[in-house]
Amino acid sequence: MTDSDRTEFLLTALASASAGLLEADPAAFRHKYRTMAADPFAFYRGSAALFYADMRDREDPWVDARTSRVWIQGDLHAQNFGTYMDGAGRLVFDVNDFDEAYLGHFTWDLQRLVASVALMGWTKALADGDIRRLCETFLRAYLDQAEHFVDSDRDHEWSLRLGTARGPVEDALLEAQLATRVGLLDRATVVEDYARRFRKAPQVRQLEDDERARVEEAFAGYLETIPGSKRLGSLTYAVKDVVGRSGLGIGSAGLPAYNLLVEGHTEALENDVVLTMKQGNIAAPSRIVEDDACAAHFSHHGHRTAVSQRALQAHADPWLGWAEMPGRDDARTGFVVAEYSPYEKDLDWGGLTEPDELAEVLEQLGRATAKVHCVSDVDDTSTPLVDFQVEDAIVDAVRGREDDLVSDLTAFALDYAEQARKDHALFVEAFRSGRVEGLASNG
């Protein structure tokens, strides 16, 4: 494929992913694309649609009828892991973004992750031999953990947490442990006349009465999506304030979002809770997956995002759910609702420069990735789309070929990272020259 053909291919993939959203908020996409232009890793983070366009016709010898339709995170790269407080009250380090989650090849998550490792290694000037070893470390840890779950069948109990995590992963958990909800409330809100409300800020938008009424109506519907086993007391959920929100991340450009301040489990102001309500978007893997049962299972993309997160997390946020609001032409638009938690901390990859430091982290990420795949199966009675034990299916599919899989996916990582660096340069030149459809570079 010539550079010209590849440019058209990547621009088409990006245009498909932004259809309808770019026209509604071109400034958000101009910001997103300029962020992507900063370096190859930023471009890779924002171009999941291109990755799946490349995967569409790529032969995958590692999947069969079962392992080609397991729950996957969908946009697994090194920076999509972090800390959060799970539904059981434990601080865990795990996958922390589910906007692109869908049914697909288990290898797609592995390929996207190791390619991101290769890109990151290149930015740290690591030799190819070191990058190969890092990819192999991640992949072998993944396979070993899947095998462990076959033997122990206790995947819901395993997690990276205080007491099991090591090195920088443990450091991230310790830092998260210092956070408080009161601290978050002090940053995001003010108390006036004995009532709490959101602070005015550049990324916060005050709502007109009619828009606020629509959000509150959607919130009332959201309450019905919380499982009975996770419902909190009768005082909880009363809405105190609502604002519009922007700047939620590179993957959320153009998606309407709101913050809601609600009553916590007591009337004390220190127990107030901040929730996010963000419009769901089309999952990147769904663009190449033909699965009628999966597509029909979801009412909208907010529903799909929340259900996916419940499937991939052993103990999901008790606030997690979905809502609907009127969209264009009276169509219903789906939103995912979750707590805006103070306990979410990302790993500081910038401080990790030596191969041994990176290997210690990637070994743990390999095990965490196996965990999210393996908990989302027949044991998850809330989501009936996967009716088999994922760990059994994965181990059966690669048995006797483990070394070959590691070798194949490691080679893919180096090749695709090189392609991503070339794609980044092509994208920057296309954006600078005004070739991004519907969006002039100079605004």
Protein backbone atom coordinates (compact mmCIF):
# COMPACT_ATOMS: atom_id res chain seq x y z
CA MET A 1 0.00 0.00 0.00
CA THR A 2 1.38 3.39 -0.96
CA ASP A 3 1.59 6.26 1.53
CA SER A 4 -1.27 7.94 -0.31
CA ASP A 5 -3.44 4.83 -0.07
CA ARG A 6 -2.60 4.35 3.59
CA THR A 7 -3.46 7.96 4.35
CA GLU A 8 -6.87 7.53 2.73
CA PHE A 9 -7.38 4.28 4.63
CA LEU A 10 -6.61 5.79 8.04
CA LEU A 11 -8.61 8.96 7.38
CA THR A 12 -11.59 6.84 6.35
CA ALA A 13 -11.32 4.79 9.56
CA LEU A 14 -11.16 7.92 11.71
CA ALA A 15 -14.05 9.54 9.81
CA SER A 16 -16.20 6.47 10.33
CA ALA A 17 -15.55 6.55 14.08
CA SER A 18 -16.35 10.27 14.35
CA ALA A 19 -19.46 10.29 12.13
CA GLY A 20 -22.16 12.50 13.61
CA LEU A 21 -19.98 13.59 16.53
CA LEU A 22 -17.46 15.72 14.65
CA GLU A 23 -20.21 17.74 12.98
CA ALA A 24 -21.83 18.39 16.36
CA ASP A 25 -18.61 19.51 18.08
CA PRO A 26 -15.74 20.22 15.66
CA ALA A 27 -13.76 22.07 18.35
CA ALA A 28 -13.63 18.91 20.49
CA PHE A 29 -12.27 16.90 17.58
CA ARG A 30 -9.78 19.57 16.64
CA HIS A 31 -8.46 19.32 20.20
CA LYS A 32 -8.48 15.51 20.04
CA TYR A 33 -6.59 15.39 16.74
CA ARG A 34 -4.01 17.91 17.88
CA THR A 35 -3.49 15.81 20.99
CA MET A 36 -3.07 12.73 18.77
CA ALA A 37 -0.58 14.64 16.62
CA ALA A 38 1.74 15.15 19.60
CA ASP A 39 3.51 11.78 19.31
CA PRO A 40 2.97 8.24 17.96
CA PHE A 41 1.66 6.88 21.27
CA ALA A 42 -0.97 9.62 21.54
CA PHE A 43 -2.00 8.85 17.96
CA TYR A 44 -2.25 5.14 18.78
CA ARG A 45 -4.42 5.85 21.83
CA GLY A 46 -6.89 7.82 19.73
CA SER A 47 -7.04 5.49 16.72
CA ALA A 48 -8.65 2.26 17.92
CA ALA A 49 -10.91 2.45 14.87
CA LEU A 50 -7.85 2.20 12.61
CA PHE A 51 -6.53 -0.79 14.55
CA TYR A 52 -9.76 -2.71 13.98
CA ALA A 53 -9.92 -1.70 10.35
CA ASP A 54 -6.50 -3.38 10.07
CA MET A 55 -7.74 -6.44 11.97
CA ARG A 56 -10.81 -6.92 9.76
CA ASP A 57 -9.15 -9.15 7.17
CA ARG A 58 -6.16 -10.31 9.18
CA GLU A 59 -5.95 -14.06 9.69
CA ASP A 60 -5.99 -15.08 13.34
CA PRO A 61 -4.79 -18.67 13.86
CA TRP A 62 -5.20 -18.48 17.65
CA VAL A 63 -8.98 -18.31 17.89
CA ASP A 64 -11.80 -20.75 17.36
CA ALA A 65 -15.60 -20.58 17.66
CA ARG A 66 -15.37 -19.83 21.38
CA THR A 67 -12.24 -17.70 21.74
CA SER A 68 -13.33 -15.45 18.88
CA ARG A 69 -16.30 -14.21 20.94
CA VAL A 70 -15.18 -13.49 24.50
CA TRP A 71 -15.60 -10.19 26.31
CA ILE A 72 -12.65 -7.94 25.49
CA GLN A 73 -11.73 -4.49 26.75
CA GLY A 74 -11.45 -3.38 23.14
CA ASP A 75 -8.83 -0.63 23.47
CA LEU A 76 -6.21 -2.27 25.63
CA HIS A 77 -3.04 -0.21 25.74
CA ALA A 78 -0.54 0.41 28.50
CA GLN A 79 -2.27 3.56 29.74
CA ASN A 80 -5.70 1.96 30.14
CA PHE A 81 -4.82 0.42 33.51
CA GLY A 82 -5.12 2.09 36.87
CA THR A 83 -6.54 1.95 40.36
CA TYR A 84 -10.15 2.07 41.47
CA MET A 85 -12.30 1.06 44.45
CA ASP A 86 -14.26 -2.07 43.55
CA GLY A 87 -17.77 -2.87 44.65
CA ALA A 88 -16.45 -4.92 47.57
CA GLY A 89 -14.55 -1.92 48.97
CA ARG A 90 -11.08 -3.08 47.88
CA LEU A 91 -8.57 -0.88 46.11
CA VAL A 92 -7.51 -2.77 42.98
CA PHE A 93 -5.25 -2.13 40.02
CA ASP A 94 -6.89 -3.26 36.80
CA VAL A 95 -8.26 -2.30 33.41
CA ASN A 96 -10.09 0.98 33.94
CA ASP A 97 -11.73 1.97 30.65
CA PHE A 98 -14.60 0.08 29.04
CA ASP A 99 -15.87 2.46 26.35
CA GLU A 100 -14.77 0.07 23.56
CA ALA A 101 -15.64 -3.22 25.30
CA TYR A 102 -17.41 -5.82 23.17
CA LEU A 103 -17.31 -9.47 22.19
CA GLY A 104 -14.32 -10.35 20.01
CA HIS A 105 -11.06 -12.25 19.62
CA PHE A 106 -9.18 -12.54 22.91
CA THR A 107 -6.02 -11.95 20.88
CA TRP A 108 -7.13 -8.46 19.86
CA ASP A 109 -6.64 -7.20 23.42
CA LEU A 110 -3.24 -8.90 23.56
CA GLN A 111 -2.14 -7.53 20.18
CA ARG A 112 -3.24 -3.99 20.96
CA LEU A 113 -1.47 -4.08 24.32
CA VAL A 114 1.86 -5.47 23.12
CA ALA A 115 1.89 -3.05 20.18
CA SER A 116 1.49 -0.23 22.71
CA VAL A 117 4.40 -1.69 24.70
CA ALA A 118 6.53 -1.68 21.56
CA LEU A 119 5.58 1.95 20.88
CA MET A 120 6.33 2.94 24.45
CA GLY A 121 9.62 1.09 24.35
CA TRP A 122 10.58 2.98 21.20
CA THR A 123 9.84 6.33 22.91
CA LYS A 124 12.16 5.24 25.74
CA ALA A 125 14.89 4.31 23.21
CA LEU A 126 14.85 0.65 24.22
CA ALA A 127 16.51 -1.86 21.90
CA ASP A 128 14.27 -4.25 19.94
CA GLY A 129 15.60 -7.14 22.01
CA ASP A 130 14.43 -5.46 25.22
CA ILE A 131 11.04 -4.68 23.67
CA ARG A 132 10.64 -8.32 22.62
CA ARG A 133 11.37 -9.48 26.16
CA LEU A 134 8.81 -7.06 27.58
CA CYS A 135 6.13 -8.29 25.19
CA GLU A 136 7.02 -11.89 26.00
CA THR A 137 6.81 -11.15 29.73
CA PHE A 138 3.28 -9.80 29.36
CA LEU A 139 2.10 -12.67 27.12
CA ARG A 140 3.57 -15.48 29.20
CA ALA A 141 2.10 -14.01 32.38
CA TYR A 142 -1.29 -13.87 30.65
CA LEU A 143 -1.11 -17.53 29.58
CA ASP A 144 0.17 -18.63 32.97
CA GLN A 145 -2.68 -16.86 34.77
CA ALA A 146 -5.29 -18.34 32.43
CA GLU A 147 -3.85 -21.79 33.15
CA HIS A 148 -3.99 -21.00 36.87
CA PHE A 149 -7.69 -20.15 36.62
CA VAL A 150 -8.34 -23.50 34.91
CA ASP A 151 -6.79 -25.25 37.89
CA SER A 152 -8.21 -23.08 40.67
CA ASP A 153 -11.50 -21.70 39.23
CA ARG A 154 -11.27 -18.73 41.61
CA ASP A 155 -10.89 -15.94 39.06
CA HIS A 156 -13.42 -13.68 40.83
CA GLU A 157 -11.29 -13.67 43.98
CA TRP A 158 -7.96 -12.81 42.32
CA SER A 159 -6.88 -9.19 41.83
CA LEU A 160 -3.89 -6.88 41.99
CA ARG A 161 -4.45 -5.15 45.33
CA LEU A 162 -2.60 -4.12 48.45
CA GLY A 163 -0.88 -7.27 49.59
CA THR A 164 -0.50 -8.85 46.14
CA ALA A 165 0.76 -6.00 43.91
CA ARG A 166 4.47 -5.19 43.63
CA GLY A 167 6.70 -2.29 42.67
CA PRO A 168 5.11 0.66 40.82
CA VAL A 169 1.70 -1.05 40.81
CA GLU A 170 1.76 -1.25 44.60
CA ASP A 171 2.95 2.38 44.72
CA ALA A 172 -0.08 3.46 42.67
CA LEU A 173 -2.39 1.63 45.07
CA LEU A 174 -0.74 3.22 48.09
CA GLU A 175 -1.13 6.66 46.54
CA ALA A 176 -4.79 5.96 45.77
CA GLN A 177 -5.33 4.89 49.38
CA LEU A 178 -4.48 8.44 50.49
CA ALA A 179 -7.33 9.94 48.44
CA THR A 180 -10.67 10.82 50.02
CA ARG A 181 -14.14 11.61 48.77
CA VAL A 182 -14.07 14.75 50.91
CA GLY A 183 -10.97 15.87 49.02
CA LEU A 184 -12.71 15.34 45.70
CA LEU A 185 -15.78 17.23 46.91
CA ASP A 186 -13.60 20.14 48.06
CA ARG A 187 -12.04 20.35 44.59
CA ALA A 188 -15.25 19.98 42.58
CA THR A 189 -17.86 21.69 44.77
CA VAL A 190 -18.56 24.50 47.22
CA VAL A 191 -20.92 24.76 50.20
CA GLU A 192 -23.15 27.83 50.37
CA ASP A 193 -26.10 28.37 52.73
CA TYR A 194 -25.71 24.83 54.07
CA ALA A 195 -26.03 23.31 50.61
CA ARG A 196 -23.39 21.88 48.30
CA ARG A 197 -23.18 22.65 44.57
CA PHE A 198 -20.62 22.33 41.78
CA ARG A 199 -17.94 24.97 41.41
CA LYS A 200 -17.83 27.14 38.32
CA ALA A 201 -14.90 26.07 36.15
CA PRO A 202 -13.77 26.32 32.51
CA GLN A 203 -14.86 22.76 31.69
CA VAL A 204 -18.16 23.01 33.58
CA ARG A 205 -21.31 24.23 31.82
CA GLN A 206 -24.36 25.51 33.65
CA LEU A 207 -27.62 24.03 32.35
CA GLU A 208 -30.84 25.73 31.32
CA ASP A 209 -33.94 24.49 33.13
CA ASP A 210 -35.20 22.32 30.26
CA GLU A 211 -31.86 20.52 29.80
CA ARG A 212 -31.53 19.95 33.53
CA ALA A 213 -35.04 18.49 33.58
CA ARG A 214 -34.09 16.05 30.82
CA VAL A 215 -30.99 14.97 32.72
CA GLU A 216 -32.94 14.45 35.93
CA GLU A 217 -35.57 12.44 34.06
CA ALA A 218 -32.80 10.27 32.59
CA PHE A 219 -31.32 9.88 36.07
CA ALA A 220 -34.63 8.59 37.41
CA GLY A 221 -34.58 5.94 34.69
CA TYR A 222 -30.97 5.10 35.50
CA LEU A 223 -31.94 4.16 39.07
CA GLU A 224 -33.95 1.26 37.67
CA THR A 225 -30.80 -0.20 36.09
CA ILE A 226 -28.96 -0.65 39.40
CA PRO A 227 -29.23 -4.31 40.48
CA GLY A 228 -31.25 -4.81 43.64
CA SER A 229 -28.24 -6.37 45.35
CA LYS A 230 -26.32 -3.11 44.89
CA ARG A 231 -29.04 -0.60 45.76
CA LEU A 232 -28.13 1.70 48.62
CA GLY A 233 -30.37 3.14 51.35
CA SER A 234 -33.50 5.23 50.92
CA LEU A 235 -31.71 8.55 51.53
CA THR A 236 -29.28 7.95 48.68
CA TYR A 237 -29.63 9.21 45.09
CA ALA A 238 -31.43 12.54 45.69
CA VAL A 239 -30.06 14.98 43.07
CA LYS A 240 -28.50 18.16 44.47
CA ASP A 241 -26.90 19.71 41.39
CA VAL A 242 -26.27 18.97 37.71
CA VAL A 243 -23.78 20.52 35.27
CA GLY A 244 -22.54 19.83 31.76
CA ARG A 245 -18.99 18.55 31.48
CA SER A 246 -16.28 18.55 28.81
CA GLY A 247 -12.69 17.43 28.52
CA LEU A 248 -13.19 13.86 29.72
CA GLY A 249 -10.50 12.24 27.57
CA ILE A 250 -9.08 11.67 24.12
CA GLY A 251 -11.62 8.95 23.35
CA SER A 252 -14.65 10.99 24.44
CA ALA A 253 -14.43 13.88 21.97
CA GLY A 254 -17.85 15.15 20.95
CA LEU A 255 -19.75 12.99 23.44
CA PRO A 256 -22.17 14.93 25.69
CA ALA A 257 -21.47 14.41 29.38
CA TYR A 258 -22.83 15.58 32.70
CA ASN A 259 -21.79 15.56 36.34
CA LEU A 260 -24.45 14.98 38.98
CA LEU A 261 -24.09 15.70 42.68
CA VAL A 262 -26.26 13.32 44.67
CA GLU A 263 -26.97 12.47 48.28
CA GLY A 264 -24.77 9.76 49.73
CA HIS A 265 -25.75 7.23 52.36
CA THR A 266 -26.40 9.92 55.03
CA GLU A 267 -27.46 13.58 55.03
CA ALA A 268 -23.99 14.70 56.11
CA LEU A 269 -22.51 16.91 53.41
CA GLU A 270 -19.24 14.98 53.52
CA ASN A 271 -21.04 11.92 52.13
CA ASP A 272 -22.26 13.53 48.91
CA VAL A 273 -21.30 11.62 45.75
CA VAL A 274 -20.34 12.89 42.29
CA LEU A 275 -21.55 10.82 39.34
CA THR A 276 -20.67 11.08 35.66
CA MET A 277 -23.27 10.54 32.94
CA LYS A 278 -21.52 10.22 29.58
CA GLN A 279 -23.00 9.36 26.22
CA GLY A 280 -21.93 5.94 25.00
CA ASN A 281 -20.35 5.52 21.60
CA ILE A 282 -20.03 2.72 19.07
CA ALA A 283 -17.46 0.20 20.30
CA ALA A 284 -14.53 0.00 17.89
CA PRO A 285 -14.50 -3.85 17.72
CA SER A 286 -18.21 -3.90 16.86
CA ARG A 287 -17.36 -2.37 13.49
CA ILE A 288 -15.79 -5.64 12.38
CA VAL A 289 -17.64 -8.20 14.53
CA GLU A 290 -20.72 -9.83 13.03
CA ASP A 291 -22.63 -11.13 16.03
CA ASP A 292 -26.40 -10.64 15.88
CA ALA A 293 -26.98 -11.93 19.42
CA CYS A 294 -24.54 -9.43 20.85
CA ALA A 295 -25.88 -6.49 18.86
CA ALA A 296 -29.49 -7.31 19.78
CA HIS A 297 -28.70 -7.65 23.46
CA PHE A 298 -28.11 -3.93 24.01
CA SER A 299 -30.64 -1.12 23.90
CA HIS A 300 -27.96 1.47 23.17
CA HIS A 301 -24.24 2.13 23.62
CA GLY A 302 -24.62 3.33 27.21
CA HIS A 303 -26.27 0.03 28.05
CA ARG A 304 -23.52 -1.88 26.25
CA THR A 305 -20.75 0.01 28.07
CA ALA A 306 -22.23 -0.59 31.52
CA VAL A 307 -23.01 -4.27 30.87
CA SER A 308 -19.52 -4.80 29.46
CA GLN A 309 -17.93 -3.27 32.54
CA ARG A 310 -20.00 -5.48 34.82
CA ALA A 311 -18.88 -8.49 32.81
CA LEU A 312 -15.18 -7.60 32.82
CA GLN A 313 -14.94 -6.53 36.46
CA ALA A 314 -15.45 -9.10 39.18
CA HIS A 315 -16.87 -6.49 41.58
CA ALA A 316 -18.12 -3.49 39.63
CA ASP A 317 -18.94 -0.03 40.94
CA PRO A 318 -22.32 -0.19 42.79
CA TRP A 319 -23.25 3.10 41.09
CA LEU A 320 -22.72 1.67 37.59
CA GLY A 321 -25.75 1.78 35.30
CA TRP A 322 -27.18 3.41 32.21
CA ALA A 323 -29.69 6.05 31.18
CA GLU A 324 -31.51 7.38 28.13
CA MET A 325 -32.18 10.89 26.88
CA PRO A 326 -33.93 12.20 23.76
CA GLY A 327 -31.46 12.55 20.91
CA ARG A 328 -31.66 13.75 17.35
CA ASP A 329 -34.98 13.11 15.55
CA ASP A 330 -36.49 11.98 18.88
CA ALA A 331 -34.24 8.90 18.95
CA ARG A 332 -33.14 7.72 22.39
CA THR A 333 -29.48 8.30 23.18
CA GLY A 334 -27.75 6.05 25.70
CA PHE A 335 -25.51 7.20 28.56
CA VAL A 336 -23.35 5.25 30.99
CA VAL A 337 -23.48 6.36 34.62
CA ALA A 338 -20.76 5.72 37.20
CA GLU A 339 -19.18 7.31 40.24
CA TYR A 340 -16.56 10.00 39.71
CA SER A 341 -14.21 8.34 42.15
CA PRO A 342 -11.25 9.91 43.97
CA TYR A 343 -9.54 6.52 44.05
CA GLU A 344 -8.76 6.36 40.33
CA LYS A 345 -5.01 6.79 39.79
CA ASP A 346 -3.03 6.07 36.65
CA LEU A 347 0.39 4.49 36.64
CA ASP A 348 3.28 6.92 36.10
CA TRP A 349 4.89 5.29 33.06
CA GLY A 350 7.13 8.32 32.61
CA GLY A 351 9.08 7.37 35.70
CA LEU A 352 9.78 3.84 34.41
CA THR A 353 12.79 3.78 32.13
CA GLU A 354 14.68 0.52 32.67
CA PRO A 355 13.60 -2.80 31.14
CA ASP A 356 13.55 -4.58 34.50
CA GLU A 357 11.23 -1.95 35.99
CA LEU A 358 8.90 -2.20 33.01
CA ALA A 359 8.97 -6.00 33.07
CA GLU A 360 7.82 -6.07 36.70
CA VAL A 361 4.77 -4.00 35.75
CA LEU A 362 3.99 -5.86 32.52
CA GLU A 363 4.11 -9.23 34.24
CA GLN A 364 1.33 -8.00 36.54
CA LEU A 365 -0.64 -6.45 33.66
CA GLY A 366 -0.55 -9.79 31.84
CA ARG A 367 -2.18 -11.47 34.83
CA ALA A 368 -4.72 -8.66 35.22
CA THR A 369 -5.68 -8.98 31.54
CA ALA A 370 -6.23 -12.73 31.93
CA LYS A 371 -8.43 -11.99 34.93
CA VAL A 372 -10.77 -9.59 33.07
CA HIS A 373 -11.14 -12.06 30.21
CA CYS A 374 -11.75 -15.04 32.47
CA VAL A 375 -14.29 -13.53 34.87
CA SER A 376 -16.58 -12.55 32.00
CA ASP A 377 -18.02 -15.95 31.16
CA VAL A 378 -20.72 -18.46 32.06
CA ASP A 379 -20.16 -17.71 35.76
CA ASP A 380 -21.40 -14.15 35.17
CA THR A 381 -25.14 -14.80 35.33
CA SER A 382 -26.02 -11.14 34.65
CA THR A 383 -24.65 -11.30 31.10
CA PRO A 384 -25.62 -14.49 29.23
CA LEU A 385 -23.72 -13.78 26.01
CA VAL A 386 -20.72 -15.99 26.86
CA ASP A 387 -21.93 -19.47 27.87
CA PHE A 388 -18.61 -21.22 28.50
CA GLN A 389 -15.57 -21.01 30.76
CA VAL A 390 -13.24 -18.54 29.02
CA GLU A 391 -10.10 -19.83 30.73
CA ASP A 392 -10.83 -23.37 29.52
CA ALA A 393 -11.45 -22.14 25.99
CA ILE A 394 -8.25 -20.08 25.81
CA VAL A 395 -6.04 -22.79 27.26
CA ASP A 396 -7.57 -25.39 24.93
CA ALA A 397 -7.11 -23.13 21.88
CA VAL A 398 -3.37 -22.59 22.43
CA ARG A 399 -2.36 -25.83 24.17
CA GLY A 400 0.98 -27.03 22.84
CA ARG A 401 1.40 -23.81 20.82
CA GLU A 402 2.10 -21.35 23.62
CA ASP A 403 5.62 -20.53 22.40
CA ASP A 404 4.34 -19.98 18.89
CA LEU A 405 1.63 -17.59 20.09
CA VAL A 406 4.16 -15.58 22.09
CA SER A 407 6.52 -15.42 19.12
CA ASP A 408 3.75 -14.47 16.68
CA LEU A 409 2.23 -11.72 18.82
CA THR A 410 5.65 -10.31 19.75
CA ALA A 411 6.55 -10.03 16.06
CA PHE A 412 3.18 -8.38 15.45
CA ALA A 413 3.91 -5.85 18.22
CA LEU A 414 7.15 -4.68 16.62
CA ASP A 415 5.64 -4.57 13.13
CA TYR A 416 2.50 -2.75 14.16
CA ALA A 417 4.39 -0.25 16.30
CA GLU A 418 6.48 0.61 13.26
CA GLN A 419 3.27 1.00 11.23
CA ALA A 420 1.78 3.24 13.93
CA ARG A 421 4.82 5.51 13.80
CA LYS A 422 4.43 5.81 10.02
CA ASP A 423 0.67 6.34 10.38
CA HIS A 424 1.29 9.11 12.89
CA ALA A 425 3.48 10.96 10.42
CA LEU A 426 0.90 10.49 7.64
CA PHE A 427 -1.90 11.68 9.92
CA VAL A 428 0.00 14.80 10.99
CA GLU A 429 0.72 15.75 7.42
CA ALA A 430 -2.91 15.13 6.37
CA PHE A 431 -4.23 17.18 9.29
CA ARG A 432 -1.80 20.04 8.66
CA SER A 433 -2.79 20.17 5.00
CA GLY A 434 -6.53 20.27 5.74
CA ARG A 435 -7.36 16.77 4.52
CA VAL A 436 -9.32 15.65 7.61
CA GLU A 437 -12.91 15.61 6.43
CA GLY A 438 -15.08 18.26 8.09
CA LEU A 439 -12.22 19.74 10.09
CA ALA A 440 -9.74 22.37 8.99
CA SER A 441 -6.49 22.28 10.96
CA ASN A 442 -6.48 26.02 11.54
CA GLY A 443 -10.00 26.07 12.99
